Each structure stands twice: as C-alpha cells, then as structure tokens.
Amino acid sequence: MANRWVGVTIDCLDVRRVAAFWSALLDRPPGPSEPGWIYLGHPDDPLPRLVFQPVPEAKRGKVRLHLDVAVDDIEQGIAQVLALGGRHTGERHDYDAGVVVVMEDPEGHEFCLVQYY
C-alpha cells in the first residue's frame, strides 16, 4: 500500500468553535469523529480531512505550517473570515500571479487567503 496524505490536525482549546469556523469557511461538513474531536470530511473524501484535536494549552508563537485557502475575490474572502470570527493580521503580499493575505482563525492559527490572477 502506498503512503497517502489523509488529513491535517489542528490543536484547539475550543474544538467546536474552531471546527465551526473552518467548516463554514471551507463548506465542509463534519464527518465521523472521535469523542471530543471534530473531523471535517470523511475518510474516503478526495481531499484530506481537517481534524480538530482538544489540547489544554493555548497556541504560542507563529505556526510553522499553515493552510492556504484560494478565494475568487480577496476582499470578499477577508470579509467572510472576519464575519466568521477570524482576524486579519494586516499582512498582505502582492505578486504577479496573485495576492496573499495572512489571516487567523478564532484561536489565532495563521492561514493565507490566496487570490490567483
């Protein structure tokens, strides 16, 4: 059997709040989960699942791995993140191929909104 990527796990203080944010942002419903955890997606989905794991400590420092979320319109993407309880870091990078804006989910996990031209 070949190795395959099946998911990304995100540590959370409030699993329900963070999972609800990502579920709404990515339009991915929760699937089968372990007690106390929430998984977005199903094991047989073509995309890796997002797994929200409860931990007792708050996030500290910048994460070394983050998700990139492609949007059709960067301003609408920013507005959606803010409406869902996320934050804009103020960091923006404009490139010939598009724009990247650094955002945070409700617990401060950084991620990028990306609009390709």
Protein backbone atom coordinates (compact mmCIF):
# COMPACT_ATOMS: atom_id res chain seq x y z
CA MET A 1 0.00 0.00 0.00
CA ALA A 2 1.36 3.42 -0.92
CA ASN A 3 1.58 6.22 1.62
CA ARG A 4 -1.05 8.91 1.25
CA TRP A 5 -1.90 12.17 2.93
CA VAL A 6 -5.18 11.82 4.85
CA GLY A 7 -5.50 14.92 7.00
CA VAL A 8 -4.23 17.93 8.88
CA THR A 9 -4.69 18.10 12.65
CA ILE A 10 -5.19 21.43 14.40
CA ASP A 11 -4.79 21.72 18.19
CA CYS A 12 -7.61 23.73 19.83
CA LEU A 13 -8.81 24.91 23.21
CA ASP A 14 -12.39 25.19 21.89
CA VAL A 15 -12.75 22.41 19.32
CA ARG A 16 -16.37 23.24 18.45
CA ARG A 17 -15.71 26.93 17.83
CA VAL A 18 -12.62 26.41 15.66
CA ALA A 19 -14.16 23.49 13.73
CA ALA A 20 -17.33 25.53 13.08
CA PHE A 21 -15.20 28.38 11.69
CA TRP A 22 -13.34 26.09 9.27
CA SER A 23 -16.49 24.16 8.35
CA ALA A 24 -18.22 27.38 7.30
CA LEU A 25 -15.15 28.85 5.57
CA LEU A 26 -14.45 25.72 3.51
CA ASP A 27 -18.06 24.48 3.21
CA ARG A 28 -17.02 21.07 4.59
CA PRO A 29 -19.42 19.33 6.95
CA PRO A 30 -18.27 17.33 9.95
CA GLY A 31 -17.82 13.62 9.37
CA PRO A 32 -17.29 10.66 11.69
CA SER A 33 -15.18 11.80 14.65
CA GLU A 34 -13.63 10.53 17.85
CA PRO A 35 -15.30 11.70 21.11
CA GLY A 36 -14.19 15.26 21.88
CA TRP A 37 -12.64 15.72 18.44
CA ILE A 38 -14.22 17.00 15.23
CA TYR A 39 -13.25 15.82 11.76
CA LEU A 40 -14.31 17.79 8.68
CA GLY A 41 -14.83 15.40 5.81
CA HIS A 42 -14.92 11.63 5.53
CA PRO A 43 -12.11 9.06 5.24
CA ASP A 44 -12.97 8.37 1.59
CA ASP A 45 -13.09 12.05 0.50
CA PRO A 46 -10.70 13.07 -2.28
CA LEU A 47 -9.41 15.94 -0.10
CA PRO A 48 -7.60 15.36 3.21
CA ARG A 49 -9.74 15.78 6.29
CA LEU A 50 -9.25 18.60 8.80
CA VAL A 51 -9.05 17.21 12.31
CA PHE A 52 -9.63 19.39 15.38
CA GLN A 53 -7.97 17.97 18.49
CA PRO A 54 -8.57 19.28 22.03
CA VAL A 55 -5.48 20.42 23.92
CA PRO A 56 -5.15 22.16 27.32
CA GLU A 57 -2.70 24.90 26.30
CA ALA A 58 -3.18 27.98 24.11
CA LYS A 59 -1.22 28.46 20.90
CA ARG A 60 2.07 30.30 21.38
CA GLY A 61 4.11 31.86 18.60
CA LYS A 62 3.79 31.65 14.85
CA VAL A 63 2.88 28.28 13.39
CA ARG A 64 5.45 26.70 11.09
CA LEU A 65 2.82 25.06 8.87
CA HIS A 66 -0.34 26.73 7.63
CA LEU A 67 -3.18 26.25 5.20
CA ASP A 68 -3.68 28.28 2.02
CA VAL A 69 -7.30 28.93 1.04
CA ALA A 70 -7.98 30.04 -2.54
CA VAL A 71 -10.69 32.66 -3.00
CA ASP A 72 -12.19 34.26 -6.10
CA ASP A 73 -12.17 37.75 -4.55
CA ILE A 74 -9.68 38.65 -1.81
CA GLU A 75 -11.82 41.41 -0.27
CA GLN A 76 -14.87 39.13 -0.05
CA GLY A 77 -12.65 36.40 1.42
CA ILE A 78 -11.36 38.76 4.11
CA ALA A 79 -14.92 39.87 4.91
CA GLN A 80 -16.05 36.25 5.23
CA VAL A 81 -13.21 35.37 7.61
CA LEU A 82 -14.00 38.41 9.78
CA ALA A 83 -17.73 37.60 9.82
CA LEU A 84 -16.93 34.03 10.96
CA GLY A 85 -14.86 35.30 13.90
CA GLY A 86 -11.38 35.24 12.37
CA ARG A 87 -8.88 38.10 12.24
CA HIS A 88 -6.81 39.92 9.63
CA THR A 89 -3.14 40.23 10.60
CA GLY A 90 -2.58 43.21 8.32
CA GLU A 91 -0.01 41.25 6.30
CA ARG A 92 -0.52 41.28 2.53
CA HIS A 93 1.75 40.26 -0.34
CA ASP A 94 1.06 41.23 -3.95
CA TYR A 95 2.73 39.12 -6.64
CA ASP A 96 2.42 38.92 -10.43
CA ALA A 97 0.48 35.65 -10.01
CA GLY A 98 -1.91 36.98 -7.35
CA VAL A 99 -2.29 38.25 -3.83
CA VAL A 100 -1.77 36.55 -0.45
CA VAL A 101 -3.32 37.87 2.77
CA VAL A 102 -2.41 36.40 6.17
CA MET A 103 -5.43 35.73 8.39
CA GLU A 104 -6.07 33.97 11.71
CA ASP A 105 -8.87 31.66 12.84
CA PRO A 106 -10.67 32.33 16.17
CA GLU A 107 -7.78 30.81 18.19
CA GLY A 108 -5.03 32.60 16.28
CA HIS A 109 -3.94 29.83 13.88
CA GLU A 110 -2.47 31.66 10.88
CA PHE A 111 -3.57 30.81 7.34
CA CYS A 112 -3.42 32.54 3.98
CA LEU A 113 -6.18 33.64 1.68
CA VAL A 114 -4.88 33.48 -1.88
CA GLN A 115 -6.41 35.05 -4.97
CA TYR A 116 -4.73 33.91 -8.17
CA TYR A 117 -4.85 36.14 -11.25
